[in-house]
Amino acid sequence: QVLLVESGGGLVQAGGSLRLSCAASGSNFSPYTMLWYRQAPGKQREMVARITRTSTTTYADSVKGRFTISRDNAKNTVYLQMNSLKPEDTAVYYCNSIPIGAWGQGTQVTVSS
């Protein structure tokens, strides 16, 4: 079973940047599409960005042009570079794969205005 560990969250002012990491262990994740999700308080979890095994990317409209997803298959790690952060980006961020696996603990991102 793949274990996913997210890191890199924190508190940042609006307009700032953060880089999230998701390290996968227990299996080679290179064949899988990997996704970043987020869940804000009182809201449903939503997909933020997706990257296929061939590095084709897709983004939610709310983050397009500001966030960049990438992957390093040699390190079994997927990244989310977040720029021009807004208070509405505040959420717990999670990664997962297709097919979906066990959820990690997520990493908290808080953007102050």
N, C-alpha and C. Protein backbone atom coordinates (compact mmCIF):
# COMPACT_ATOMS: atom_id res chain seq x y z
N GLN A 1 0.84 -1.18 0.00
CA GLN A 1 0.00 0.00 0.00
C GLN A 1 0.88 1.24 0.00
N VAL A 2 0.48 2.21 -0.81
CA VAL A 2 1.25 3.46 -0.90
C VAL A 2 0.93 4.35 0.29
N LEU A 3 1.97 4.85 0.94
CA LEU A 3 1.83 5.81 2.02
C LEU A 3 2.20 7.18 1.48
N LEU A 4 1.29 8.15 1.67
CA LEU A 4 1.50 9.51 1.17
C LEU A 4 1.70 10.44 2.35
N VAL A 5 2.76 11.25 2.28
CA VAL A 5 3.05 12.20 3.34
C VAL A 5 3.21 13.58 2.72
N GLU A 6 2.30 14.47 3.08
CA GLU A 6 2.33 15.84 2.58
C GLU A 6 3.11 16.74 3.55
N SER A 7 3.77 17.75 2.99
CA SER A 7 4.52 18.70 3.81
C SER A 7 4.65 20.02 3.06
N GLY A 8 5.10 21.04 3.78
CA GLY A 8 5.39 22.32 3.15
C GLY A 8 4.37 23.41 3.41
N GLY A 9 3.29 23.08 4.10
CA GLY A 9 2.29 24.10 4.39
C GLY A 9 2.79 25.09 5.43
N GLY A 10 1.98 26.09 5.68
CA GLY A 10 2.33 27.10 6.66
C GLY A 10 1.44 28.30 6.56
N LEU A 11 1.84 29.35 7.27
CA LEU A 11 1.11 30.62 7.28
C LEU A 11 1.85 31.61 6.39
N VAL A 12 1.12 32.22 5.47
CA VAL A 12 1.74 33.16 4.54
C VAL A 12 0.77 34.32 4.29
N GLN A 13 1.32 35.47 3.99
CA GLN A 13 0.47 36.62 3.67
C GLN A 13 -0.05 36.51 2.23
N ALA A 14 -1.16 37.14 1.99
CA ALA A 14 -1.71 37.18 0.65
C ALA A 14 -0.66 37.70 -0.33
N GLY A 15 -0.58 37.07 -1.48
CA GLY A 15 0.43 37.40 -2.47
C GLY A 15 1.70 36.59 -2.35
N GLY A 16 1.83 35.86 -1.27
CA GLY A 16 3.02 35.07 -1.04
C GLY A 16 2.99 33.73 -1.76
N SER A 17 4.02 32.93 -1.49
CA SER A 17 4.19 31.64 -2.16
C SER A 17 4.51 30.55 -1.16
N LEU A 18 4.14 29.34 -1.51
CA LEU A 18 4.52 28.14 -0.78
C LEU A 18 4.73 27.01 -1.78
N ARG A 19 5.56 26.06 -1.40
CA ARG A 19 5.76 24.86 -2.21
C ARG A 19 5.45 23.64 -1.36
N LEU A 20 4.43 22.92 -1.77
CA LEU A 20 4.04 21.70 -1.07
C LEU A 20 4.72 20.50 -1.71
N SER A 21 5.00 19.50 -0.87
CA SER A 21 5.57 18.25 -1.35
C SER A 21 4.70 17.09 -0.89
N CYS A 22 4.67 16.04 -1.69
CA CYS A 22 3.96 14.82 -1.34
C CYS A 22 4.89 13.66 -1.66
N ALA A 23 5.37 13.02 -0.62
CA ALA A 23 6.29 11.90 -0.79
C ALA A 23 5.51 10.59 -0.68
N ALA A 24 5.70 9.73 -1.66
CA ALA A 24 5.03 8.44 -1.68
C ALA A 24 6.02 7.33 -1.37
N SER A 25 5.62 6.44 -0.51
CA SER A 25 6.47 5.30 -0.19
C SER A 25 5.64 4.02 -0.23
N GLY A 26 6.30 2.90 -0.39
CA GLY A 26 5.61 1.62 -0.40
C GLY A 26 5.35 1.08 -1.79
N SER A 27 5.43 1.95 -2.78
CA SER A 27 5.21 1.51 -4.16
C SER A 27 5.78 2.54 -5.10
N ASN A 28 6.13 2.13 -6.28
CA ASN A 28 6.60 3.06 -7.31
C ASN A 28 5.39 3.80 -7.88
N PHE A 29 5.39 5.12 -7.74
CA PHE A 29 4.19 5.86 -8.16
C PHE A 29 4.27 6.38 -9.59
N SER A 30 5.37 6.09 -10.30
CA SER A 30 5.53 6.67 -11.63
C SER A 30 4.43 6.29 -12.62
N PRO A 31 3.78 5.13 -12.50
CA PRO A 31 2.72 4.83 -13.47
C PRO A 31 1.41 5.58 -13.22
N TYR A 32 1.31 6.24 -12.07
CA TYR A 32 0.02 6.78 -11.65
C TYR A 32 -0.14 8.27 -11.92
N THR A 33 -1.38 8.63 -12.23
CA THR A 33 -1.75 10.04 -12.18
C THR A 33 -1.81 10.45 -10.72
N MET A 34 -1.24 11.60 -10.42
CA MET A 34 -1.22 12.13 -9.05
C MET A 34 -2.00 13.44 -9.01
N LEU A 35 -2.67 13.67 -7.90
CA LEU A 35 -3.52 14.85 -7.75
C LEU A 35 -3.26 15.55 -6.42
N TRP A 36 -3.47 16.83 -6.41
CA TRP A 36 -3.56 17.61 -5.18
C TRP A 36 -5.03 18.01 -5.01
N TYR A 37 -5.48 17.86 -3.77
CA TYR A 37 -6.82 18.28 -3.38
C TYR A 37 -6.68 19.27 -2.22
N ARG A 38 -7.76 19.95 -1.92
CA ARG A 38 -7.79 20.77 -0.72
C ARG A 38 -9.19 20.74 -0.13
N GLN A 39 -9.22 20.96 1.18
CA GLN A 39 -10.50 21.01 1.89
C GLN A 39 -10.48 22.17 2.86
N ALA A 40 -11.32 23.14 2.61
CA ALA A 40 -11.46 24.28 3.50
C ALA A 40 -12.51 23.96 4.57
N PRO A 41 -12.47 24.64 5.70
CA PRO A 41 -13.44 24.37 6.77
C PRO A 41 -14.88 24.51 6.27
N GLY A 42 -15.68 23.50 6.54
CA GLY A 42 -17.08 23.53 6.17
C GLY A 42 -17.35 23.28 4.70
N LYS A 43 -16.31 22.94 3.95
CA LYS A 43 -16.50 22.72 2.51
C LYS A 43 -16.06 21.31 2.13
N GLN A 44 -16.52 20.88 0.96
CA GLN A 44 -16.11 19.57 0.47
C GLN A 44 -14.69 19.62 -0.09
N ARG A 45 -14.06 18.47 -0.08
CA ARG A 45 -12.73 18.36 -0.67
C ARG A 45 -12.84 18.57 -2.18
N GLU A 46 -11.92 19.36 -2.75
CA GLU A 46 -11.95 19.64 -4.18
C GLU A 46 -10.59 19.38 -4.79
N MET A 47 -10.63 18.99 -6.06
CA MET A 47 -9.39 18.77 -6.80
C MET A 47 -8.79 20.10 -7.18
N VAL A 48 -7.49 20.26 -6.97
CA VAL A 48 -6.78 21.49 -7.28
C VAL A 48 -5.95 21.35 -8.55
N ALA A 49 -5.23 20.24 -8.65
CA ALA A 49 -4.34 20.04 -9.79
C ALA A 49 -4.10 18.55 -9.98
N ARG A 50 -3.78 18.19 -11.22
CA ARG A 50 -3.57 16.79 -11.56
C ARG A 50 -2.41 16.70 -12.54
N ILE A 51 -1.61 15.63 -12.40
CA ILE A 51 -0.51 15.41 -13.32
C ILE A 51 -0.48 13.93 -13.67
N THR A 52 -0.46 13.64 -14.98
CA THR A 52 -0.44 12.25 -15.42
C THR A 52 0.98 11.70 -15.38
N ARG A 53 1.10 10.44 -15.71
CA ARG A 53 2.42 9.81 -15.69
C ARG A 53 3.33 10.40 -16.76
N THR A 54 2.73 11.01 -17.77
CA THR A 54 3.52 11.67 -18.83
C THR A 54 3.62 13.18 -18.60
N SER A 55 3.22 13.60 -17.39
CA SER A 55 3.33 15.00 -16.96
C SER A 55 2.39 15.96 -17.66
N THR A 56 1.29 15.45 -18.18
CA THR A 56 0.22 16.33 -18.63
C THR A 56 -0.51 16.86 -17.39
N THR A 57 -0.73 18.17 -17.36
CA THR A 57 -1.31 18.78 -16.16
C THR A 57 -2.69 19.37 -16.41
N THR A 58 -3.49 19.40 -15.35
CA THR A 58 -4.83 19.99 -15.36
C THR A 58 -5.00 20.74 -14.05
N TYR A 59 -5.68 21.89 -14.12
CA TYR A 59 -5.87 22.71 -12.92
C TYR A 59 -7.33 23.12 -12.75
N ALA A 60 -7.72 23.29 -11.51
CA ALA A 60 -9.01 23.91 -11.24
C ALA A 60 -8.95 25.37 -11.70
N ASP A 61 -10.07 25.88 -12.15
CA ASP A 61 -10.10 27.26 -12.65
C ASP A 61 -9.64 28.25 -11.58
N SER A 62 -9.92 27.96 -10.34
CA SER A 62 -9.61 28.88 -9.25
C SER A 62 -8.11 29.05 -9.02
N VAL A 63 -7.30 28.13 -9.50
CA VAL A 63 -5.86 28.20 -9.26
C VAL A 63 -5.05 28.32 -10.55
N LYS A 64 -5.73 28.26 -11.68
CA LYS A 64 -5.03 28.27 -12.96
C LYS A 64 -4.20 29.55 -13.10
N GLY A 65 -2.97 29.40 -13.51
CA GLY A 65 -2.07 30.55 -13.66
C GLY A 65 -1.32 30.92 -12.40
N ARG A 66 -1.71 30.34 -11.26
CA ARG A 66 -1.05 30.64 -9.99
C ARG A 66 -0.34 29.42 -9.41
N PHE A 67 -0.90 28.25 -9.60
CA PHE A 67 -0.33 27.02 -9.06
C PHE A 67 0.29 26.19 -10.18
N THR A 68 1.35 25.46 -9.83
CA THR A 68 2.01 24.56 -10.78
C THR A 68 2.28 23.23 -10.11
N ILE A 69 1.79 22.16 -10.71
CA ILE A 69 2.04 20.81 -10.21
C ILE A 69 3.19 20.20 -11.01
N SER A 70 4.04 19.46 -10.33
CA SER A 70 5.14 18.78 -11.01
C SER A 70 5.44 17.49 -10.25
N ARG A 71 6.24 16.65 -10.86
CA ARG A 71 6.57 15.37 -10.22
C ARG A 71 8.02 15.02 -10.49
N ASP A 72 8.61 14.30 -9.54
CA ASP A 72 9.96 13.75 -9.69
C ASP A 72 9.84 12.26 -9.42
N ASN A 73 9.76 11.49 -10.49
CA ASN A 73 9.53 10.05 -10.33
C ASN A 73 10.71 9.37 -9.64
N ALA A 74 11.90 9.89 -9.82
CA ALA A 74 13.07 9.30 -9.16
C ALA A 74 12.97 9.42 -7.65
N LYS A 75 12.30 10.48 -7.19
CA LYS A 75 12.14 10.70 -5.75
C LYS A 75 10.76 10.29 -5.26
N ASN A 76 9.93 9.75 -6.15
CA ASN A 76 8.56 9.38 -5.75
C ASN A 76 7.84 10.54 -5.07
N THR A 77 8.00 11.73 -5.62
CA THR A 77 7.47 12.94 -4.99
C THR A 77 6.73 13.79 -6.02
N VAL A 78 5.62 14.35 -5.60
CA VAL A 78 4.89 15.31 -6.42
C VAL A 78 4.84 16.64 -5.66
N TYR A 79 4.92 17.72 -6.38
CA TYR A 79 5.01 19.05 -5.80
C TYR A 79 3.84 19.92 -6.24
N LEU A 80 3.57 20.93 -5.44
CA LEU A 80 2.60 21.96 -5.81
C LEU A 80 3.20 23.31 -5.47
N GLN A 81 3.63 24.04 -6.48
CA GLN A 81 4.13 25.40 -6.29
C GLN A 81 2.94 26.34 -6.33
N MET A 82 2.75 27.09 -5.25
CA MET A 82 1.60 27.98 -5.14
C MET A 82 2.10 29.42 -5.04
N ASN A 83 1.76 30.21 -6.02
CA ASN A 83 2.14 31.62 -6.05
C ASN A 83 0.90 32.51 -5.97
N SER A 84 1.13 33.77 -5.68
CA SER A 84 0.02 34.75 -5.61
C SER A 84 -1.13 34.21 -4.76
N LEU A 85 -0.78 33.71 -3.59
CA LEU A 85 -1.79 33.09 -2.74
C LEU A 85 -2.82 34.10 -2.27
N LYS A 86 -4.05 33.59 -2.11
CA LYS A 86 -5.18 34.40 -1.68
C LYS A 86 -5.77 33.80 -0.40
N PRO A 87 -6.45 34.60 0.40
CA PRO A 87 -7.08 34.04 1.61
C PRO A 87 -7.99 32.85 1.31
N GLU A 88 -8.64 32.86 0.17
CA GLU A 88 -9.53 31.74 -0.18
C GLU A 88 -8.79 30.45 -0.52
N ASP A 89 -7.47 30.51 -0.58
CA ASP A 89 -6.67 29.29 -0.76
C ASP A 89 -6.44 28.58 0.57
N THR A 90 -6.85 29.19 1.66
CA THR A 90 -6.69 28.57 2.97
C THR A 90 -7.45 27.26 3.05
N ALA A 91 -6.74 26.19 3.38
CA ALA A 91 -7.32 24.85 3.41
C ALA A 91 -6.26 23.85 3.87
N VAL A 92 -6.70 22.63 4.12
CA VAL A 92 -5.77 21.52 4.27
C VAL A 92 -5.59 20.90 2.89
N TYR A 93 -4.34 20.75 2.48
CA TYR A 93 -4.02 20.23 1.16
C TYR A 93 -3.57 18.76 1.27
N TYR A 94 -4.12 17.95 0.39
CA TYR A 94 -3.84 16.52 0.36
C TYR A 94 -3.40 16.11 -1.04
N CYS A 95 -2.63 15.04 -1.12
CA CYS A 95 -2.36 14.45 -2.41
C CYS A 95 -2.95 13.04 -2.44
N ASN A 96 -3.16 12.54 -3.62
CA ASN A 96 -3.62 11.17 -3.81
C ASN A 96 -3.38 10.78 -5.25
N SER A 97 -3.74 9.57 -5.59
CA SER A 97 -3.45 9.03 -6.91
C SER A 97 -4.73 8.55 -7.57
N ILE A 98 -4.58 8.19 -8.84
CA ILE A 98 -5.63 7.44 -9.54
C ILE A 98 -5.02 6.11 -9.94
N PRO A 99 -5.51 4.96 -9.46
CA PRO A 99 -6.64 4.80 -8.55
C PRO A 99 -6.35 5.37 -7.17
N ILE A 100 -7.44 5.77 -6.52
CA ILE A 100 -7.29 6.46 -5.25
C ILE A 100 -6.77 5.51 -4.19
N GLY A 101 -5.91 6.04 -3.32
CA GLY A 101 -5.37 5.27 -2.24
C GLY A 101 -5.74 5.86 -0.90
N ALA A 102 -5.03 5.46 0.12
CA ALA A 102 -5.30 5.97 1.47
C ALA A 102 -4.90 7.45 1.54
N TRP A 103 -5.69 8.23 2.24
CA TRP A 103 -5.38 9.66 2.40
C TRP A 103 -4.30 9.84 3.46
N GLY A 104 -3.41 10.80 3.20
CA GLY A 104 -2.44 11.18 4.21
C GLY A 104 -3.04 12.15 5.19
N GLN A 105 -2.19 12.74 6.02
CA GLN A 105 -2.69 13.66 7.05
C GLN A 105 -2.92 15.07 6.50
N GLY A 106 -2.40 15.32 5.33
CA GLY A 106 -2.55 16.65 4.73
C GLY A 106 -1.59 17.65 5.34
N THR A 107 -1.54 18.83 4.73
CA THR A 107 -0.71 19.91 5.24
C THR A 107 -1.53 21.20 5.19
N GLN A 108 -1.52 21.93 6.30
CA GLN A 108 -2.36 23.12 6.43
C GLN A 108 -1.71 24.31 5.74
N VAL A 109 -2.48 24.98 4.91
CA VAL A 109 -2.06 26.24 4.29
C VAL A 109 -3.02 27.32 4.78
N THR A 110 -2.46 28.36 5.35
CA THR A 110 -3.25 29.48 5.83
C THR A 110 -2.72 30.76 5.20
N VAL A 111 -3.59 31.49 4.52
CA VAL A 111 -3.21 32.73 3.86
C VAL A 111 -3.93 33.88 4.55
N SER A 112 -3.15 34.78 5.09
CA SER A 112 -3.74 35.92 5.80
C SER A 112 -3.89 37.10 4.85
N SER A 113 -4.91 37.89 5.11
CA SER A 113 -5.17 39.05 4.24
C SER A 113 -4.44 40.29 4.71
